[in-house]
Amino acid sequence: MSRAAAGAAPGKVILFGEHAVVYGRPAIAASLGHGLGATVEAFPGGPELSVPGWGLHVRLDRRESGFDAIARGFSAALDAVGLTDRALKVTVDGELPPGVGLGSSAAFAVAVLRALSEFKGAALTGDALLQAAHAVETVFHGTPSGLDHTVIATGGCLRFERTAEPRFCRIPLAQPVPAVVAWARRRGSTRQAVSGLRARHDALPAHYDRLFDAIGAVTEAGATALAEGDFATLGALFDLNHGYLNACGVSHVDNERMVAIAREAGALGAKLTGAGLGGAVVAITPTGAGAVVEALQAAGFKAFATRLGTGA
């Protein structure tokens, strides 16, 4: 067995279709140029997990950490790889913040699984990696859609439909999409965002179905713009999708501020990404990404420039 190994995984953003995908419309997600890396080394006191950037330190043979979700996810990853010799330490680091809609838990799962399987000497790839990542994501999310860990494990850009058997279709990008990602603290959970929208839909189904149809149409147009590398149209479609999400009631004043700042600083378009109620936004920035990052940071938000749809 190797005594040291490493693995990495990108984060993800939803480009179009969040929330409407729950109601049968398509969504599009892309991998980020930023993510997480995991290293594994032999450690007699293990198994141990350290995520310095998240302020987490876990020992599975002790309960000081409370044995929370991250500990259970780590344990699930060890089980999925089939490591019986657990005298090891895993360190995870990177620029991906947790809990803001950028796929941090799925990136954690894929990076750790890749590192552990390399450490064991039997690399996980393809369907085996996807199945193992799904098992870890189930610890975090109960019934994950599969979108996050699939786009993170495969990289690139995927069209997704949430059917009984989730359907994925790769969108060939004309080129990686230059973007800025910014985020603020979440003001509500994904469950709260989804359940709140469901209550509003149940009260006014015809009106919200028209919103979901509009989001679906924007998503399909977005797939074409991505394939053609048409950033101007892509930005305009981002703005439309964000407006529809605001109308759905899942945006927050922090999302609105970040979107407005990004546009004013030169982004071609910007939208919230993920569940909303705070969390992350993504902006299209083929020119002047630095100015957008600076403007967002000056307003007190965290942000970085990246490229969407790069390899896993």
C-alpha atoms as a PDB file:
ATOM      1  CA  MET A   1       0.000   0.000   0.000  1.00  0.00           C
ATOM      2  CA  SER A   2       1.280   3.441  -0.865  1.00  0.00           C
ATOM      3  CA  ARG A   3       2.174   5.629   2.101  1.00  0.00           C
ATOM      4  CA  ALA A   4       1.083   8.938   0.592  1.00  0.00           C
ATOM      5  CA  ALA A   5      -1.495   9.983  -1.984  1.00  0.00           C
ATOM      6  CA  ALA A   6      -3.498  12.957  -3.195  1.00  0.00           C
ATOM      7  CA  GLY A   7      -6.782  13.720  -4.928  1.00  0.00           C
ATOM      8  CA  ALA A   8      -8.628  16.827  -6.060  1.00  0.00           C
ATOM      9  CA  ALA A   9     -12.070  17.907  -7.211  1.00  0.00           C
ATOM     10  CA  PRO A  10     -13.600  21.139  -8.488  1.00  0.00           C
ATOM     11  CA  GLY A  11     -16.595  22.924  -7.082  1.00  0.00           C
ATOM     12  CA  LYS A  12     -19.708  23.554  -9.154  1.00  0.00           C
ATOM     13  CA  VAL A  13     -22.243  26.234 -10.005  1.00  0.00           C
ATOM     14  CA  ILE A  14     -25.752  25.882 -11.354  1.00  0.00           C
ATOM     15  CA  LEU A  15     -25.909  28.113 -14.401  1.00  0.00           C
ATOM     16  CA  PHE A  16     -29.614  27.778 -15.149  1.00  0.00           C
ATOM     17  CA  GLY A  17     -32.730  26.119 -13.833  1.00  0.00           C
ATOM     18  CA  GLU A  18     -32.317  25.843 -10.071  1.00  0.00           C
ATOM     19  CA  HIS A  19     -35.642  25.320  -8.274  1.00  0.00           C
ATOM     20  CA  ALA A  20     -37.542  24.907 -11.566  1.00  0.00           C
ATOM     21  CA  VAL A  21     -35.714  21.582 -11.960  1.00  0.00           C
ATOM     22  CA  VAL A  22     -37.734  20.268  -8.996  1.00  0.00           C
ATOM     23  CA  TYR A  23     -40.864  20.849 -11.110  1.00  0.00           C
ATOM     24  CA  GLY A  24     -39.698  18.941 -14.179  1.00  0.00           C
ATOM     25  CA  ARG A  25     -37.771  21.618 -16.057  1.00  0.00           C
ATOM     26  CA  PRO A  26     -34.116  21.152 -17.038  1.00  0.00           C
ATOM     27  CA  ALA A  27     -31.104  22.637 -15.273  1.00  0.00           C
ATOM     28  CA  ILE A  28     -27.507  23.236 -16.328  1.00  0.00           C
ATOM     29  CA  ALA A  29     -24.475  22.993 -14.049  1.00  0.00           C
ATOM     30  CA  ALA A  30     -20.764  23.471 -14.654  1.00  0.00           C
ATOM     31  CA  SER A  31     -17.596  22.652 -12.790  1.00  0.00           C
ATOM     32  CA  LEU A  32     -15.527  25.466 -11.317  1.00  0.00           C
ATOM     33  CA  GLY A  33     -11.862  26.217 -11.825  1.00  0.00           C
ATOM     34  CA  HIS A  34     -11.606  26.240  -8.010  1.00  0.00           C
ATOM     35  CA  GLY A  35     -12.123  23.309  -5.688  1.00  0.00           C
ATOM     36  CA  LEU A  36     -10.639  21.143  -2.955  1.00  0.00           C
ATOM     37  CA  GLY A  37      -7.559  18.981  -2.672  1.00  0.00           C
ATOM     38  CA  ALA A  38      -7.066  16.027  -0.331  1.00  0.00           C
ATOM     39  CA  THR A  39      -3.842  14.403   0.810  1.00  0.00           C
ATOM     40  CA  VAL A  40      -3.524  11.096   2.645  1.00  0.00           C
ATOM     41  CA  GLU A  41      -0.559   9.937   4.682  1.00  0.00           C
ATOM     42  CA  ALA A  42       0.109   7.063   7.012  1.00  0.00           C
ATOM     43  CA  PHE A  43      -0.682   8.039  10.592  1.00  0.00           C
ATOM     44  CA  PRO A  44      -0.656   5.496  13.450  1.00  0.00           C
ATOM     45  CA  GLY A  45      -3.230   7.470  15.432  1.00  0.00           C
ATOM     46  CA  GLY A  46      -5.783   7.517  12.590  1.00  0.00           C
ATOM     47  CA  PRO A  47      -8.193   7.586  11.025  1.00  0.00           C
ATOM     48  CA  GLU A  48      -8.046  11.370  11.279  1.00  0.00           C
ATOM     49  CA  LEU A  49      -9.466  14.140   9.110  1.00  0.00           C
ATOM     50  CA  SER A  50      -8.403  17.779   9.073  1.00  0.00           C
ATOM     51  CA  VAL A  51     -10.074  20.566   7.052  1.00  0.00           C
ATOM     52  CA  PRO A  52      -8.202  23.687   8.225  1.00  0.00           C
ATOM     53  CA  GLY A  53     -10.088  26.110   6.001  1.00  0.00           C
ATOM     54  CA  TRP A  54     -13.383  24.988   7.524  1.00  0.00           C
ATOM     55  CA  GLY A  55     -12.039  24.821  11.067  1.00  0.00           C
ATOM     56  CA  LEU A  56     -12.703  21.072  11.297  1.00  0.00           C
ATOM     57  CA  HIS A  57     -10.704  18.300  12.911  1.00  0.00           C
ATOM     58  CA  VAL A  58     -12.145  14.810  13.290  1.00  0.00           C
ATOM     59  CA  ARG A  59     -10.900  11.645  15.005  1.00  0.00           C
ATOM     60  CA  LEU A  60     -13.203   8.717  14.322  1.00  0.00           C
ATOM     61  CA  ASP A  61     -12.006   6.794  17.367  1.00  0.00           C
ATOM     62  CA  ARG A  62     -12.978   9.686  19.640  1.00  0.00           C
ATOM     63  CA  ARG A  63     -16.158  11.707  19.986  1.00  0.00           C
ATOM     64  CA  GLU A  64     -14.789  15.136  20.897  1.00  0.00           C
ATOM     65  CA  SER A  65     -15.931  16.515  17.538  1.00  0.00           C
ATOM     66  CA  GLY A  66     -19.541  15.447  18.108  1.00  0.00           C
ATOM     67  CA  PHE A  67     -19.375  12.883  15.252  1.00  0.00           C
ATOM     68  CA  ASP A  68     -21.267  15.270  13.010  1.00  0.00           C
ATOM     69  CA  ALA A  69     -22.044  14.995   9.306  1.00  0.00           C
ATOM     70  CA  ILE A  70     -18.468  15.610   8.174  1.00  0.00           C
ATOM     71  CA  ALA A  71     -17.251  12.779  10.408  1.00  0.00           C
ATOM     72  CA  ARG A  72     -19.957  10.456   9.113  1.00  0.00           C
ATOM     73  CA  GLY A  73     -19.117  11.485   5.551  1.00  0.00           C
ATOM     74  CA  PHE A  74     -15.462  10.702   6.164  1.00  0.00           C
ATOM     75  CA  SER A  75     -16.413   7.323   7.591  1.00  0.00           C
ATOM     76  CA  ALA A  76     -18.628   6.635   4.558  1.00  0.00           C
ATOM     77  CA  ALA A  77     -15.721   7.456   2.228  1.00  0.00           C
ATOM     78  CA  LEU A  78     -13.455   5.018   4.063  1.00  0.00           C
ATOM     79  CA  ASP A  79     -16.154   2.346   3.771  1.00  0.00           C
ATOM     80  CA  ALA A  80     -16.750   3.068   0.076  1.00  0.00           C
ATOM     81  CA  VAL A  81     -13.061   2.616  -0.728  1.00  0.00           C
ATOM     82  CA  GLY A  82     -12.882  -0.512   1.419  1.00  0.00           C
ATOM     83  CA  LEU A  83      -9.947   0.584   3.520  1.00  0.00           C
ATOM     84  CA  THR A  84      -9.482  -1.830   6.391  1.00  0.00           C
ATOM     85  CA  ASP A  85      -6.109  -0.372   7.401  1.00  0.00           C
ATOM     86  CA  ARG A  86      -7.232   3.007   8.705  1.00  0.00           C
ATOM     87  CA  ALA A  87      -3.961   4.173  10.233  1.00  0.00           C
ATOM     88  CA  LEU A  88      -4.075   7.290   8.112  1.00  0.00           C
ATOM     89  CA  LYS A  89      -4.633  11.027   8.158  1.00  0.00           C
ATOM     90  CA  VAL A  90      -6.528  12.978   5.492  1.00  0.00           C
ATOM     91  CA  THR A  91      -6.036  16.711   5.075  1.00  0.00           C
ATOM     92  CA  VAL A  92      -8.453  18.661   2.876  1.00  0.00           C
ATOM     93  CA  ASP A  93      -7.820  22.220   1.761  1.00  0.00           C
ATOM     94  CA  GLY A  94      -8.683  24.625  -1.028  1.00  0.00           C
ATOM     95  CA  GLU A  95     -10.555  27.771  -1.905  1.00  0.00           C
ATOM     96  CA  LEU A  96     -14.077  26.353  -1.813  1.00  0.00           C
ATOM     97  CA  PRO A  97     -16.254  27.702   1.013  1.00  0.00           C
ATOM     98  CA  PRO A  98     -18.798  25.396   2.663  1.00  0.00           C
ATOM     99  CA  GLY A  99     -22.537  25.868   2.698  1.00  0.00           C
ATOM    100  CA  VAL A 100     -23.021  28.549   0.036  1.00  0.00           C
ATOM    101  CA  GLY A 101     -24.134  26.462  -2.966  1.00  0.00           C
ATOM    102  CA  LEU A 102     -20.805  25.729  -4.652  1.00  0.00           C
ATOM    103  CA  GLY A 103     -20.859  21.961  -4.206  1.00  0.00           C
ATOM    104  CA  SER A 104     -18.494  21.842  -1.241  1.00  0.00           C
ATOM    105  CA  SER A 105     -19.791  18.542   0.135  1.00  0.00           C
ATOM    106  CA  ALA A 106     -19.602  16.812  -3.249  1.00  0.00           C
ATOM    107  CA  ALA A 107     -16.121  18.225  -3.887  1.00  0.00           C
ATOM    108  CA  PHE A 108     -15.111  16.964  -0.437  1.00  0.00           C
ATOM    109  CA  ALA A 109     -16.498  13.525  -1.285  1.00  0.00           C
ATOM    110  CA  VAL A 110     -14.804  13.237  -4.675  1.00  0.00           C
ATOM    111  CA  ALA A 111     -11.437  14.651  -3.561  1.00  0.00           C
ATOM    112  CA  VAL A 112     -11.277  12.421  -0.480  1.00  0.00           C
ATOM    113  CA  LEU A 113     -12.386   9.338  -2.408  1.00  0.00           C
ATOM    114  CA  ARG A 114      -9.752   9.931  -5.073  1.00  0.00           C
ATOM    115  CA  ALA A 115      -7.038  10.398  -2.468  1.00  0.00           C
ATOM    116  CA  LEU A 116      -8.087   7.369  -0.376  1.00  0.00           C
ATOM    117  CA  SER A 117      -8.337   5.086  -3.391  1.00  0.00           C
ATOM    118  CA  GLU A 118      -4.891   6.184  -4.591  1.00  0.00           C
ATOM    119  CA  PHE A 119      -3.585   5.526  -1.079  1.00  0.00           C
ATOM    120  CA  LYS A 120      -5.052   2.038  -1.234  1.00  0.00           C
ATOM    121  CA  GLY A 121      -3.521   1.497  -4.670  1.00  0.00           C
ATOM    122  CA  ALA A 122      -6.810   1.005  -6.545  1.00  0.00           C
ATOM    123  CA  ALA A 123      -7.945   4.289  -8.076  1.00  0.00           C
ATOM    124  CA  LEU A 124     -11.694   4.917  -8.258  1.00  0.00           C
ATOM    125  CA  THR A 125     -12.864   6.151 -11.654  1.00  0.00           C
ATOM    126  CA  GLY A 126     -15.998   6.250 -13.784  1.00  0.00           C
ATOM    127  CA  ASP A 127     -19.167   4.702 -12.411  1.00  0.00           C
ATOM    128  CA  ALA A 128     -17.378   3.343  -9.341  1.00  0.00           C
ATOM    129  CA  LEU A 129     -16.372   6.861  -8.325  1.00  0.00           C
ATOM    130  CA  LEU A 130     -19.892   8.167  -8.956  1.00  0.00           C
ATOM    131  CA  GLN A 131     -21.440   5.403  -6.841  1.00  0.00           C
ATOM    132  CA  ALA A 132     -19.013   6.000  -3.994  1.00  0.00           C
ATOM    133  CA  ALA A 133     -19.555   9.783  -4.146  1.00  0.00           C
ATOM    134  CA  HIS A 134     -23.320   9.234  -4.075  1.00  0.00           C
ATOM    135  CA  ALA A 135     -22.933   7.158  -0.906  1.00  0.00           C
ATOM    136  CA  VAL A 136     -20.995   9.973   0.788  1.00  0.00           C
ATOM    137  CA  GLU A 137     -23.389  12.653  -0.459  1.00  0.00           C
ATOM    138  CA  THR A 138     -26.288  10.654   0.964  1.00  0.00           C
ATOM    139  CA  VAL A 139     -24.780  11.185   4.411  1.00  0.00           C
ATOM    140  CA  PHE A 140     -24.832  14.944   3.861  1.00  0.00           C
ATOM    141  CA  HIS A 141     -28.097  15.385   1.988  1.00  0.00           C
ATOM    142  CA  GLY A 142     -30.276  12.322   2.518  1.00  0.00           C
ATOM    143  CA  THR A 143     -31.559  12.035  -1.042  1.00  0.00           C
ATOM    144  CA  PRO A 144     -29.120  13.925  -3.293  1.00  0.00           C
ATOM    145  CA  SER A 145     -30.224  14.604  -6.858  1.00  0.00           C
ATOM    146  CA  GLY A 146     -26.881  13.390  -8.180  1.00  0.00           C
ATOM    147  CA  LEU A 147     -26.174  16.630 -10.023  1.00  0.00           C
ATOM    148  CA  ASP A 148     -23.430  17.965  -7.762  1.00  0.00           C
ATOM    149  CA  HIS A 149     -21.214  14.912  -7.521  1.00  0.00           C
ATOM    150  CA  THR A 150     -21.747  14.003 -11.190  1.00  0.00           C
ATOM    151  CA  VAL A 151     -20.619  17.346 -12.609  1.00  0.00           C
ATOM    152  CA  ILE A 152     -17.798  17.520 -10.040  1.00  0.00           C
ATOM    153  CA  ALA A 153     -16.540  14.006 -10.820  1.00  0.00           C
ATOM    154  CA  THR A 154     -16.778  14.382 -14.599  1.00  0.00           C
ATOM    155  CA  GLY A 155     -16.046  18.089 -15.039  1.00  0.00           C
ATOM    156  CA  GLY A 156     -17.355  20.249 -17.845  1.00  0.00           C
ATOM    157  CA  CYS A 157     -20.960  21.316 -18.271  1.00  0.00           C
ATOM    158  CA  LEU A 158     -24.043  19.106 -17.914  1.00  0.00           C
ATOM    159  CA  ARG A 159     -27.724  19.456 -18.696  1.00  0.00           C
ATOM    160  CA  PHE A 160     -29.794  17.690 -16.044  1.00  0.00           C
ATOM    161  CA  GLU A 161     -33.369  16.491 -15.709  1.00  0.00           C
ATOM    162  CA  ARG A 162     -34.605  15.240 -12.350  1.00  0.00           C
ATOM    163  CA  THR A 163     -36.597  12.237 -13.482  1.00  0.00           C
ATOM    164  CA  ALA A 164     -37.039   8.867 -11.720  1.00  0.00           C
ATOM    165  CA  GLU A 165     -33.679   7.974 -13.284  1.00  0.00           C
ATOM    166  CA  PRO A 166     -31.734  11.288 -13.404  1.00  0.00           C
ATOM    167  CA  ARG A 167     -30.777  12.192 -16.943  1.00  0.00           C
ATOM    168  CA  PHE A 168     -27.509  13.926 -17.799  1.00  0.00           C
ATOM    169  CA  CYS A 169     -26.368  15.279 -21.136  1.00  0.00           C
ATOM    170  CA  ARG A 170     -22.976  16.874 -21.690  1.00  0.00           C
ATOM    171  CA  ILE A 171     -22.980  20.346 -23.244  1.00  0.00           C
ATOM    172  CA  PRO A 172     -19.856  20.831 -25.355  1.00  0.00           C
ATOM    173  CA  LEU A 173     -18.530  24.281 -24.525  1.00  0.00           C
ATOM    174  CA  ALA A 174     -17.031  26.448 -27.231  1.00  0.00           C
ATOM    175  CA  GLN A 175     -14.574  27.512 -24.516  1.00  0.00           C
ATOM    176  CA  PRO A 176     -14.461  27.656 -20.713  1.00  0.00           C
ATOM    177  CA  VAL A 177     -16.625  30.494 -19.427  1.00  0.00           C
ATOM    178  CA  PRO A 178     -14.792  33.357 -17.659  1.00  0.00           C
ATOM    179  CA  ALA A 179     -16.686  34.164 -14.483  1.00  0.00           C
ATOM    180  CA  VAL A 180     -16.599  35.643 -11.023  1.00  0.00           C
ATOM    181  CA  VAL A 181     -18.132  33.815  -8.080  1.00  0.00           C
ATOM    182  CA  ALA A 182     -19.059  35.697  -4.916  1.00  0.00           C
ATOM    183  CA  TRP A 183     -20.852  34.668  -1.764  1.00  0.00           C
ATOM    184  CA  ALA A 184     -22.395  35.763   1.504  1.00  0.00           C
ATOM    185  CA  ARG A 185     -23.657  33.876   4.519  1.00  0.00           C
ATOM    186  CA  ARG A 186     -26.753  31.799   3.860  1.00  0.00           C
ATOM    187  CA  ARG A 187     -29.899  33.271   5.439  1.00  0.00           C
ATOM    188  CA  GLY A 188     -31.861  30.034   5.194  1.00  0.00           C
ATOM    189  CA  SER A 189     -31.299  26.390   4.346  1.00  0.00           C
ATOM    190  CA  THR A 190     -31.912  24.660   1.026  1.00  0.00           C
ATOM    191  CA  ARG A 191     -34.848  22.896   2.653  1.00  0.00           C
ATOM    192  CA  GLN A 192     -36.366  26.231   3.693  1.00  0.00           C
ATOM    193  CA  ALA A 193     -35.926  27.691   0.212  1.00  0.00           C
ATOM    194  CA  VAL A 194     -37.498  24.640  -1.449  1.00  0.00           C
ATOM    195  CA  SER A 195     -40.388  24.306   1.005  1.00  0.00           C
ATOM    196  CA  GLY A 196     -41.139  28.030   0.906  1.00  0.00           C
ATOM    197  CA  LEU A 197     -41.362  27.973  -2.880  1.00  0.00           C
ATOM    198  CA  ARG A 198     -43.515  24.857  -2.771  1.00  0.00           C
ATOM    199  CA  ALA A 199     -45.997  26.618  -0.482  1.00  0.00           C
ATOM    200  CA  ARG A 200     -46.146  29.614  -2.822  1.00  0.00           C
ATOM    201  CA  HIS A 201     -46.581  27.307  -5.827  1.00  0.00           C
ATOM    202  CA  ASP A 202     -49.377  25.404  -4.101  1.00  0.00           C
ATOM    203  CA  ALA A 203     -51.171  28.689  -3.426  1.00  0.00           C
ATOM    204  CA  LEU A 204     -50.814  30.012  -7.004  1.00  0.00           C
ATOM    205  CA  PRO A 205     -49.889  27.026  -9.201  1.00  0.00           C
ATOM    206  CA  ALA A 206     -50.764  28.514 -12.586  1.00  0.00           C
ATOM    207  CA  HIS A 207     -48.657  31.626 -11.987  1.00  0.00           C
ATOM    208  CA  TYR A 208     -45.630  29.761 -10.676  1.00  0.00           C
ATOM    209  CA  ASP A 209     -45.853  27.154 -13.441  1.00  0.00           C
ATOM    210  CA  ARG A 210     -45.513  30.001 -15.935  1.00  0.00           C
ATOM    211  CA  LEU A 211     -42.393  31.150 -14.091  1.00  0.00           C
ATOM    212  CA  PHE A 212     -40.975  27.620 -14.209  1.00  0.00           C
ATOM    213  CA  ASP A 213     -41.772  27.391 -17.940  1.00  0.00           C
ATOM    214  CA  ALA A 214     -39.900  30.672 -18.484  1.00  0.00           C
ATOM    215  CA  ILE A 215     -36.908  29.367 -16.530  1.00  0.00           C
ATOM    216  CA  GLY A 216     -36.992  26.189 -18.621  1.00  0.00           C
ATOM    217  CA  ALA A 217     -36.955  28.208 -21.847  1.00  0.00           C
ATOM    218  CA  VAL A 218     -34.021  30.296 -20.592  1.00  0.00           C
ATOM    219  CA  THR A 219     -32.173  27.098 -19.689  1.00  0.00           C
ATOM    220  CA  GLU A 220     -32.557  25.702 -23.202  1.00  0.00           C
ATOM    221  CA  ALA A 221     -31.400  28.999 -24.727  1.00  0.00           C
ATOM    222  CA  GLY A 222     -28.481  28.969 -22.289  1.00  0.00           C
ATOM    223  CA  ALA A 223     -27.372  25.565 -23.569  1.00  0.00           C
ATOM    224  CA  THR A 224     -27.143  27.002 -27.067  1.00  0.00           C
ATOM    225  CA  ALA A 225     -25.253  30.102 -25.919  1.00  0.00           C
ATOM    226  CA  LEU A 226     -22.771  27.927 -24.004  1.00  0.00           C
ATOM    227  CA  ALA A 227     -22.164  25.674 -27.004  1.00  0.00           C
ATOM    228  CA  GLU A 228     -21.633  28.697 -29.253  1.00  0.00           C
ATOM    229  CA  GLY A 229     -19.484  30.678 -26.814  1.00  0.00           C
ATOM    230  CA  ASP A 230     -21.932  33.598 -27.037  1.00  0.00           C
ATOM    231  CA  PHE A 231     -21.095  35.367 -23.771  1.00  0.00           C
ATOM    232  CA  ALA A 232     -23.287  38.403 -24.460  1.00  0.00           C
ATOM    233  CA  THR A 233     -26.390  36.236 -24.813  1.00  0.00           C
ATOM    234  CA  LEU A 234     -25.275  34.122 -21.885  1.00  0.00           C
ATOM    235  CA  GLY A 235     -25.074  37.212 -19.677  1.00  0.00           C
ATOM    236  CA  ALA A 236     -28.515  38.407 -20.751  1.00  0.00           C
ATOM    237  CA  LEU A 237     -29.950  34.965 -19.980  1.00  0.00           C
ATOM    238  CA  PHE A 238     -28.275  35.019 -16.548  1.00  0.00           C
ATOM    239  CA  ASP A 239     -30.081  38.289 -15.821  1.00  0.00           C
ATOM    240  CA  LEU A 240     -33.394  36.824 -16.943  1.00  0.00           C
ATOM    241  CA  ASN A 241     -32.958  33.670 -14.873  1.00  0.00           C
ATOM    242  CA  HIS A 242     -32.063  35.722 -11.811  1.00  0.00           C
ATOM    243  CA  GLY A 243     -35.149  37.874 -12.251  1.00  0.00           C
ATOM    244  CA  TYR A 244     -37.346  34.791 -12.413  1.00  0.00           C
ATOM    245  CA  LEU A 245     -35.696  33.372  -9.279  1.00  0.00           C
ATOM    246  CA  ASN A 246     -36.316  36.658  -7.491  1.00  0.00           C
ATOM    247  CA  ALA A 247     -39.957  36.440  -8.545  1.00  0.00           C
ATOM    248  CA  CYS A 248     -40.023  32.906  -7.110  1.00  0.00           C
ATOM    249  CA  GLY A 249     -39.029  34.395  -3.749  1.00  0.00           C
ATOM    250  CA  VAL A 250     -35.712  32.567  -3.286  1.00  0.00           C
ATOM    251  CA  SER A 251     -33.378  35.543  -3.563  1.00  0.00           C
ATOM    252  CA  HIS A 252     -32.195  37.663  -0.634  1.00  0.00           C
ATOM    253  CA  VAL A 253     -30.978  41.240  -0.286  1.00  0.00           C
ATOM    254  CA  ASP A 254     -27.377  39.926  -0.238  1.00  0.00           C
ATOM    255  CA  ASN A 255     -27.920  38.121  -3.553  1.00  0.00           C
ATOM    256  CA  GLU A 256     -29.462  41.268  -5.018  1.00  0.00           C
ATOM    257  CA  ARG A 257     -26.561  43.435  -3.842  1.00  0.00           C
ATOM    258  CA  MET A 258     -23.920  41.080  -5.225  1.00  0.00           C
ATOM    259  CA  VAL A 259     -25.703  40.793  -8.567  1.00  0.00           C
ATOM    260  CA  ALA A 260     -26.091  44.582  -8.840  1.00  0.00           C
ATOM    261  CA  ILE A 261     -22.452  45.239  -7.894  1.00  0.00           C
ATOM    262  CA  ALA A 262     -21.184  42.687 -10.413  1.00  0.00           C
ATOM    263  CA  ARG A 263     -23.245  44.191 -13.215  1.00  0.00           C
ATOM    264  CA  GLU A 264     -22.214  47.745 -12.364  1.00  0.00           C
ATOM    265  CA  ALA A 265     -18.544  46.683 -12.334  1.00  0.00           C
ATOM    266  CA  GLY A 266     -18.762  45.320 -15.878  1.00  0.00           C
ATOM    267  CA  ALA A 267     -20.176  41.791 -15.734  1.00  0.00           C
ATOM    268  CA  LEU A 268     -22.294  40.903 -18.761  1.00  0.00           C
ATOM    269  CA  GLY A 269     -24.843  39.255 -16.488  1.00  0.00           C
ATOM    270  CA  ALA A 270     -25.151  37.820 -12.989  1.00  0.00           C
ATOM    271  CA  LYS A 271     -27.469  35.551 -11.032  1.00  0.00           C
ATOM    272  CA  LEU A 272     -27.750  33.658  -7.796  1.00  0.00           C
ATOM    273  CA  THR A 273     -26.618  30.065  -8.054  1.00  0.00           C
ATOM    274  CA  GLY A 274     -28.030  27.246  -5.977  1.00  0.00           C
ATOM    275  CA  ALA A 275     -30.861  27.394  -3.476  1.00  0.00           C
ATOM    276  CA  GLY A 276     -30.597  31.109  -2.730  1.00  0.00           C
ATOM    277  CA  LEU A 277     -31.573  32.870   0.519  1.00  0.00           C
ATOM    278  CA  GLY A 278     -28.035  34.231   0.501  1.00  0.00           C
ATOM    279  CA  GLY A 279     -25.159  32.040  -0.569  1.00  0.00           C
ATOM    280  CA  ALA A 280     -23.416  32.408  -3.909  1.00  0.00           C
ATOM    281  CA  VAL A 281     -23.858  34.335  -7.140  1.00  0.00           C
ATOM    282  CA  VAL A 282     -22.071  33.851 -10.457  1.00  0.00           C
ATOM    283  CA  ALA A 283     -21.287  36.561 -13.015  1.00  0.00           C
ATOM    284  CA  ILE A 284     -20.125  36.355 -16.641  1.00  0.00           C
ATOM    285  CA  THR A 285     -16.881  38.340 -17.014  1.00  0.00           C
ATOM    286  CA  PRO A 286     -15.096  37.881 -20.367  1.00  0.00           C
ATOM    287  CA  THR A 287     -13.331  41.204 -19.688  1.00  0.00           C
ATOM    288  CA  GLY A 288     -12.607  42.952 -16.419  1.00  0.00           C
ATOM    289  CA  ALA A 289     -12.986  40.079 -13.947  1.00  0.00           C
ATOM    290  CA  GLY A 290     -10.537  41.839 -11.648  1.00  0.00           C
ATOM    291  CA  ALA A 291     -12.731  44.934 -11.432  1.00  0.00           C
ATOM    292  CA  VAL A 292     -15.740  42.803 -10.545  1.00  0.00           C
ATOM    293  CA  VAL A 293     -13.843  40.941  -7.822  1.00  0.00           C
ATOM    294  CA  GLU A 294     -12.509  44.220  -6.391  1.00  0.00           C
ATOM    295  CA  ALA A 295     -15.959  45.833  -6.349  1.00  0.00           C
ATOM    296  CA  LEU A 296     -17.513  42.858  -4.576  1.00  0.00           C
ATOM    297  CA  GLN A 297     -14.707  42.640  -2.035  1.00  0.00           C
ATOM    298  CA  ALA A 298     -14.899  46.384  -1.394  1.00  0.00           C
ATOM    299  CA  ALA A 299     -18.569  45.892  -0.505  1.00  0.00           C
ATOM    300  CA  GLY A 300     -17.621  43.233   2.051  1.00  0.00           C
ATOM    301  CA  PHE A 301     -18.289  40.091   0.031  1.00  0.00           C
ATOM    302  CA  LYS A 302     -15.877  37.251  -0.701  1.00  0.00           C
ATOM    303  CA  ALA A 303     -15.178  36.613  -4.367  1.00  0.00           C
ATOM    304  CA  PHE A 304     -12.776  35.043  -6.853  1.00  0.00           C
ATOM    305  CA  ALA A 305     -12.310  34.951 -10.609  1.00  0.00           C
ATOM    306  CA  THR A 306     -12.535  31.515 -12.201  1.00  0.00           C
ATOM    307  CA  ARG A 307     -13.466  29.617 -15.334  1.00  0.00           C
ATOM    308  CA  LEU A 308     -16.557  27.455 -15.643  1.00  0.00           C
ATOM    309  CA  GLY A 309     -16.623  24.097 -17.366  1.00  0.00           C
ATOM    310  CA  THR A 310     -12.989  23.166 -16.907  1.00  0.00           C
ATOM    311  CA  GLY A 311     -11.955  19.543 -16.442  1.00  0.00           C
ATOM    312  CA  ALA A 312     -12.506  17.595 -13.232  1.00  0.00           C
END
